[in-house]
Amino acid sequence: MQNYVAHAMWIVITTFATLTAVSYLIHLRRHVRSGAAHQFVVAVTADRTSAARRMRRLRRVVRRTSTRIHALTIVSVVFIVSWYPLYVLTIVDPGFRQPLKV
């Protein structure tokens, strides 16, 4: 029974961390899409560079950030798909009486 409680606590902690990470990724994606996250690039480079150069730099920063968000989303989905079937099995069948193929 002690192991069952430890597994259940681990599942709760992992679920909370995963949900927090996914909600942060959603928020960050919305923020990047709105352009608010990268307005500082325009403000910092406004003194010496042309408008076209600032826009290229802004697009590059937005593209890199979007790529990173996409990669982190894929990692989160793979984590959920890989581990949550085991978590469900641990909660549903604490004695592990399922067939070995499961």
Protein backbone atom coordinates (compact mmCIF):
# COMPACT_ATOMS: atom_id res chain seq x y z
CA MET A 1 0.00 0.00 0.00
CA GLN A 2 2.91 2.38 0.65
CA ASN A 3 4.13 1.96 -2.91
CA TYR A 4 0.62 2.65 -4.21
CA VAL A 5 0.48 5.92 -2.30
CA ALA A 6 3.93 6.88 -3.56
CA HIS A 7 2.91 6.10 -7.15
CA ALA A 8 -0.30 8.08 -6.77
CA MET A 9 1.58 11.07 -5.37
CA TRP A 10 4.12 10.86 -8.19
CA ILE A 11 1.31 10.78 -10.76
CA VAL A 12 -0.35 13.82 -9.19
CA ILE A 13 2.92 15.78 -9.09
CA THR A 14 3.81 14.84 -12.67
CA THR A 15 0.32 15.70 -13.89
CA PHE A 16 0.45 19.09 -12.20
CA ALA A 17 3.88 19.84 -13.71
CA THR A 18 2.77 18.70 -17.16
CA LEU A 19 -0.41 20.78 -17.05
CA THR A 20 1.59 23.80 -15.91
CA ALA A 21 4.07 23.35 -18.76
CA VAL A 22 1.33 22.93 -21.36
CA SER A 23 -0.58 25.99 -20.10
CA TYR A 24 2.64 28.01 -20.20
CA LEU A 25 3.31 26.90 -23.77
CA ILE A 26 -0.21 27.91 -24.80
CA HIS A 27 0.18 31.30 -23.14
CA LEU A 28 3.63 31.83 -24.69
CA ARG A 29 2.37 30.88 -28.14
CA ARG A 30 -0.48 33.42 -27.89
CA HIS A 31 1.94 36.06 -26.67
CA VAL A 32 4.37 35.45 -29.54
CA ARG A 33 1.56 35.41 -32.10
CA SER A 34 0.36 38.81 -30.90
CA GLY A 35 3.85 40.24 -31.39
CA ALA A 36 3.99 41.68 -27.89
CA ALA A 37 6.82 39.38 -26.85
CA HIS A 38 9.21 40.80 -29.41
CA GLN A 39 8.46 44.50 -29.40
CA PHE A 40 11.60 45.04 -27.36
CA VAL A 41 13.68 44.11 -30.43
CA VAL A 42 12.22 47.03 -32.34
CA ALA A 43 12.75 49.39 -29.42
CA VAL A 44 16.36 48.36 -28.86
CA THR A 45 17.38 48.54 -32.51
CA ALA A 46 15.40 51.66 -33.39
CA ASP A 47 18.32 54.02 -33.01
CA ARG A 48 20.72 52.82 -35.74
CA THR A 49 19.03 50.40 -38.08
CA SER A 50 16.58 50.81 -40.89
CA ALA A 51 12.95 49.77 -40.60
CA ALA A 52 13.42 46.89 -43.05
CA ARG A 53 16.34 45.53 -41.09
CA ARG A 54 14.40 45.78 -37.84
CA MET A 55 11.49 43.89 -39.37
CA ARG A 56 13.78 41.14 -40.65
CA ARG A 57 15.30 40.80 -37.21
CA LEU A 58 11.85 40.74 -35.60
CA ARG A 59 10.63 38.04 -38.02
CA ARG A 60 13.74 35.96 -37.33
CA VAL A 61 13.24 36.18 -33.56
CA VAL A 62 9.54 35.29 -33.87
CA ARG A 63 10.35 32.35 -36.18
CA ARG A 64 13.00 30.99 -33.78
CA THR A 65 10.70 31.36 -30.80
CA SER A 66 7.85 29.66 -32.66
CA THR A 67 10.15 26.78 -33.57
CA ARG A 68 11.15 26.35 -29.93
CA ILE A 69 7.54 26.42 -28.80
CA HIS A 70 6.69 23.79 -31.42
CA ALA A 71 9.55 21.54 -30.23
CA LEU A 72 8.55 21.85 -26.59
CA THR A 73 4.95 21.06 -27.48
CA ILE A 74 6.05 17.89 -29.29
CA VAL A 75 8.16 16.84 -26.28
CA SER A 76 5.18 17.40 -23.95
CA VAL A 77 2.84 15.36 -26.15
CA VAL A 78 5.35 12.52 -26.44
CA PHE A 79 5.76 12.51 -22.66
CA ILE A 80 2.01 12.32 -22.12
CA VAL A 81 1.52 9.58 -24.71
CA SER A 82 4.45 7.58 -23.37
CA TRP A 83 3.86 7.71 -19.63
CA TYR A 84 0.16 8.17 -18.96
CA PRO A 85 -0.90 4.66 -20.04
CA LEU A 86 1.44 3.32 -17.34
CA TYR A 87 0.05 5.81 -14.85
CA VAL A 88 -3.52 4.75 -15.59
CA LEU A 89 -2.57 1.08 -15.27
CA THR A 90 -0.84 1.78 -11.94
CA ILE A 91 -3.93 3.50 -10.53
CA VAL A 92 -6.49 1.02 -11.94
CA ASP A 93 -4.56 -2.18 -11.15
CA PRO A 94 -2.30 -1.64 -8.11
CA GLY A 95 -1.49 -5.36 -7.85
CA PHE A 96 -0.36 -5.53 -11.50
CA ARG A 97 -2.58 -8.52 -12.26
CA GLN A 98 -2.92 -7.64 -15.93
CA PRO A 99 -1.54 -10.00 -18.59
CA LEU A 100 2.10 -9.43 -19.49
CA LYS A 101 1.19 -8.19 -22.96
CA VAL A 102 -0.67 -5.23 -21.44
